Amino acid sequence: MDIEHFRRKLVERQKELTASSNRLADEARQSGVAEVEDPIDQVTSTEAKAADFQEAGIERQELEEVEDALRRMHEGTYGKCIDCGRPIEPGRLEAVPWTPYCFDDQKKRDEANAKAGG
């Protein structure tokens, strides 16, 4: 496995997510309610602000996952499933380089989450 290839991908994604989540949070904080807004405009403005905060939160979560992957890389455990210890499939790492789980364990987690949520 070419660790340097994945390190570059992770660092690039880290930069993108940091910039984007900072921008979204700033936009949400700076979008004030204009005095001339009618109630519909206020609802639309509030919903847009909430959407920006939600998107920023999602990006911050992904950023944490990217940083965890970089930490695993530093520790020498990158590319191994944190549940079972088996190597994570190369195609999976290529698609989602920050994933901590092999395909089988991710599937198990997704199924458990679906049952818990529904």
C-alpha atoms as a PDB file:
ATOM      1  CA  MET A   1       0.000   0.000   0.000  1.00  0.00           C
ATOM      2  CA  ASP A   2       1.286   3.450  -0.937  1.00  0.00           C
ATOM      3  CA  ILE A   3       0.877   5.260   2.394  1.00  0.00           C
ATOM      4  CA  GLU A   4       2.265   8.509   0.968  1.00  0.00           C
ATOM      5  CA  HIS A   5      -0.472   8.512  -1.693  1.00  0.00           C
ATOM      6  CA  PHE A   6      -3.150   8.251   0.982  1.00  0.00           C
ATOM      7  CA  ARG A   7      -1.410  10.768   3.236  1.00  0.00           C
ATOM      8  CA  ARG A   8      -1.505  13.340   0.410  1.00  0.00           C
ATOM      9  CA  LYS A   9      -5.195  12.623  -0.206  1.00  0.00           C
ATOM     10  CA  LEU A  10      -5.992  12.981   3.493  1.00  0.00           C
ATOM     11  CA  VAL A  11      -4.030  16.222   3.913  1.00  0.00           C
ATOM     12  CA  GLU A  12      -5.712  17.713   0.840  1.00  0.00           C
ATOM     13  CA  ARG A  13      -9.160  16.720   2.132  1.00  0.00           C
ATOM     14  CA  GLN A  14      -8.271  18.136   5.546  1.00  0.00           C
ATOM     15  CA  LYS A  15      -7.447  21.508   3.953  1.00  0.00           C
ATOM     16  CA  GLU A  16     -10.667  21.491   1.884  1.00  0.00           C
ATOM     17  CA  LEU A  17     -12.868  20.631   4.849  1.00  0.00           C
ATOM     18  CA  THR A  18     -11.238  23.157   7.148  1.00  0.00           C
ATOM     19  CA  ALA A  19     -11.698  25.974   4.643  1.00  0.00           C
ATOM     20  CA  SER A  20     -15.250  24.968   3.745  1.00  0.00           C
ATOM     21  CA  SER A  21     -16.512  24.457   7.291  1.00  0.00           C
ATOM     22  CA  ASN A  22     -14.972  27.768   8.379  1.00  0.00           C
ATOM     23  CA  ARG A  23     -16.616  29.522   5.426  1.00  0.00           C
ATOM     24  CA  LEU A  24     -20.024  27.965   6.129  1.00  0.00           C
ATOM     25  CA  ALA A  25     -19.884  28.802   9.819  1.00  0.00           C
ATOM     26  CA  ASP A  26     -18.861  32.386   9.043  1.00  0.00           C
ATOM     27  CA  GLU A  27     -21.674  32.762   6.513  1.00  0.00           C
ATOM     28  CA  ALA A  28     -24.213  31.417   8.978  1.00  0.00           C
ATOM     29  CA  ARG A  29     -23.014  33.739  11.742  1.00  0.00           C
ATOM     30  CA  GLN A  30     -22.887  36.788   9.486  1.00  0.00           C
ATOM     31  CA  SER A  31     -26.263  36.330   7.842  1.00  0.00           C
ATOM     32  CA  GLY A  32     -28.340  38.675   9.930  1.00  0.00           C
ATOM     33  CA  VAL A  33     -32.040  39.246   9.577  1.00  0.00           C
ATOM     34  CA  ALA A  34     -32.765  42.419   7.665  1.00  0.00           C
ATOM     35  CA  GLU A  35     -35.220  44.839   9.225  1.00  0.00           C
ATOM     36  CA  VAL A  36     -37.326  44.897   6.060  1.00  0.00           C
ATOM     37  CA  GLU A  37     -37.859  41.144   5.886  1.00  0.00           C
ATOM     38  CA  ASP A  38     -41.404  39.926   6.031  1.00  0.00           C
ATOM     39  CA  PRO A  39     -42.221  36.741   8.017  1.00  0.00           C
ATOM     40  CA  ILE A  40     -41.672  34.495   4.976  1.00  0.00           C
ATOM     41  CA  ASP A  41     -38.247  36.068   4.345  1.00  0.00           C
ATOM     42  CA  GLN A  42     -37.371  35.560   8.011  1.00  0.00           C
ATOM     43  CA  VAL A  43     -38.300  31.875   7.836  1.00  0.00           C
ATOM     44  CA  THR A  44     -36.278  31.438   4.648  1.00  0.00           C
ATOM     45  CA  SER A  45     -33.313  33.255   6.192  1.00  0.00           C
ATOM     46  CA  THR A  46     -33.510  31.165   9.356  1.00  0.00           C
ATOM     47  CA  GLU A  47     -33.725  27.923   7.363  1.00  0.00           C
ATOM     48  CA  ALA A  48     -30.722  28.922   5.248  1.00  0.00           C
ATOM     49  CA  LYS A  49     -28.719  29.687   8.379  1.00  0.00           C
ATOM     50  CA  ALA A  50     -29.704  26.350   9.921  1.00  0.00           C
ATOM     51  CA  ALA A  51     -28.712  24.534   6.728  1.00  0.00           C
ATOM     52  CA  ASP A  52     -25.312  26.254   6.749  1.00  0.00           C
ATOM     53  CA  PHE A  53     -24.723  25.245  10.371  1.00  0.00           C
ATOM     54  CA  GLN A  54     -25.834  21.672   9.632  1.00  0.00           C
ATOM     55  CA  GLU A  55     -23.536  21.400   6.617  1.00  0.00           C
ATOM     56  CA  ALA A  56     -20.661  22.862   8.640  1.00  0.00           C
ATOM     57  CA  GLY A  57     -21.331  20.254  11.334  1.00  0.00           C
ATOM     58  CA  ILE A  58     -21.236  17.425   8.808  1.00  0.00           C
ATOM     59  CA  GLU A  59     -17.977  18.742   7.417  1.00  0.00           C
ATOM     60  CA  ARG A  60     -16.484  19.070  10.907  1.00  0.00           C
ATOM     61  CA  GLN A  61     -17.395  15.410  11.553  1.00  0.00           C
ATOM     62  CA  GLU A  62     -15.677  14.347   8.338  1.00  0.00           C
ATOM     63  CA  LEU A  63     -12.678  16.505   9.286  1.00  0.00           C
ATOM     64  CA  GLU A  64     -12.429  14.626  12.601  1.00  0.00           C
ATOM     65  CA  GLU A  65     -12.489  11.336  10.677  1.00  0.00           C
ATOM     66  CA  VAL A  66      -9.732  12.570   8.342  1.00  0.00           C
ATOM     67  CA  GLU A  67      -7.625  13.675  11.311  1.00  0.00           C
ATOM     68  CA  ASP A  68      -8.197  10.298  12.995  1.00  0.00           C
ATOM     69  CA  ALA A  69      -6.975   8.586   9.818  1.00  0.00           C
ATOM     70  CA  LEU A  70      -3.846  10.764   9.804  1.00  0.00           C
ATOM     71  CA  ARG A  71      -3.287   9.843  13.465  1.00  0.00           C
ATOM     72  CA  ARG A  72      -3.653   6.127  12.632  1.00  0.00           C
ATOM     73  CA  MET A  73      -1.166   6.634   9.820  1.00  0.00           C
ATOM     74  CA  HIS A  74       1.306   8.171  12.270  1.00  0.00           C
ATOM     75  CA  GLU A  75       0.738   5.271  14.697  1.00  0.00           C
ATOM     76  CA  GLY A  76       1.247   2.697  11.946  1.00  0.00           C
ATOM     77  CA  THR A  77      -2.285   1.280  12.092  1.00  0.00           C
ATOM     78  CA  TYR A  78      -3.688   3.016   8.997  1.00  0.00           C
ATOM     79  CA  GLY A  79      -5.334   0.667   6.529  1.00  0.00           C
ATOM     80  CA  LYS A  80      -6.343  -1.848   9.196  1.00  0.00           C
ATOM     81  CA  CYS A  81      -9.950  -2.139  10.352  1.00  0.00           C
ATOM     82  CA  ILE A  82     -10.281  -0.833  13.899  1.00  0.00           C
ATOM     83  CA  ASP A  83     -12.910  -3.499  14.656  1.00  0.00           C
ATOM     84  CA  CYS A  84     -11.388  -6.710  13.292  1.00  0.00           C
ATOM     85  CA  GLY A  85      -7.792  -5.737  12.468  1.00  0.00           C
ATOM     86  CA  ARG A  86      -7.967  -7.046   8.904  1.00  0.00           C
ATOM     87  CA  PRO A  87      -6.630  -4.894   6.066  1.00  0.00           C
ATOM     88  CA  ILE A  88      -9.173  -2.471   4.617  1.00  0.00           C
ATOM     89  CA  GLU A  89      -9.835  -3.160   0.950  1.00  0.00           C
ATOM     90  CA  PRO A  90      -7.651  -0.937  -1.328  1.00  0.00           C
ATOM     91  CA  GLY A  91     -10.662   0.173  -3.382  1.00  0.00           C
ATOM     92  CA  ARG A  92     -12.457   1.232  -0.210  1.00  0.00           C
ATOM     93  CA  LEU A  93      -9.450   3.257   0.941  1.00  0.00           C
ATOM     94  CA  GLU A  94      -9.203   4.860  -2.478  1.00  0.00           C
ATOM     95  CA  ALA A  95     -12.860   5.918  -2.318  1.00  0.00           C
ATOM     96  CA  VAL A  96     -12.910   6.910   1.374  1.00  0.00           C
ATOM     97  CA  PRO A  97      -9.309   7.185   2.589  1.00  0.00           C
ATOM     98  CA  TRP A  98     -10.396   8.141   6.120  1.00  0.00           C
ATOM     99  CA  THR A  99     -12.505   5.030   6.690  1.00  0.00           C
ATOM    100  CA  PRO A 100     -11.567   3.113   9.839  1.00  0.00           C
ATOM    101  CA  TYR A 101     -13.548  -0.014   8.882  1.00  0.00           C
ATOM    102  CA  CYS A 102     -13.310  -2.802   6.339  1.00  0.00           C
ATOM    103  CA  PHE A 103     -16.351  -3.304   4.133  1.00  0.00           C
ATOM    104  CA  ASP A 104     -17.826  -6.106   6.257  1.00  0.00           C
ATOM    105  CA  ASP A 105     -17.570  -4.221   9.539  1.00  0.00           C
ATOM    106  CA  GLN A 106     -18.904  -1.010   7.983  1.00  0.00           C
ATOM    107  CA  LYS A 107     -21.867  -3.005   6.676  1.00  0.00           C
ATOM    108  CA  LYS A 108     -22.495  -4.429  10.150  1.00  0.00           C
ATOM    109  CA  ARG A 109     -22.397  -0.930  11.663  1.00  0.00           C
ATOM    110  CA  ASP A 110     -24.735   0.460   9.000  1.00  0.00           C
ATOM    111  CA  GLU A 111     -27.210  -2.366   9.590  1.00  0.00           C
ATOM    112  CA  ALA A 112     -27.070  -1.878  13.381  1.00  0.00           C
ATOM    113  CA  ASN A 113     -27.625   1.869  12.966  1.00  0.00           C
ATOM    114  CA  ALA A 114     -30.566   1.264  10.623  1.00  0.00           C
ATOM    115  CA  LYS A 115     -32.183  -1.084  13.150  1.00  0.00           C
ATOM    116  CA  ALA A 116     -31.585   1.350  16.017  1.00  0.00           C
ATOM    117  CA  GLY A 117     -33.022   4.235  14.031  1.00  0.00           C
ATOM    118  CA  GLY A 118     -36.020   2.450  12.633  1.00  0.00           C
END
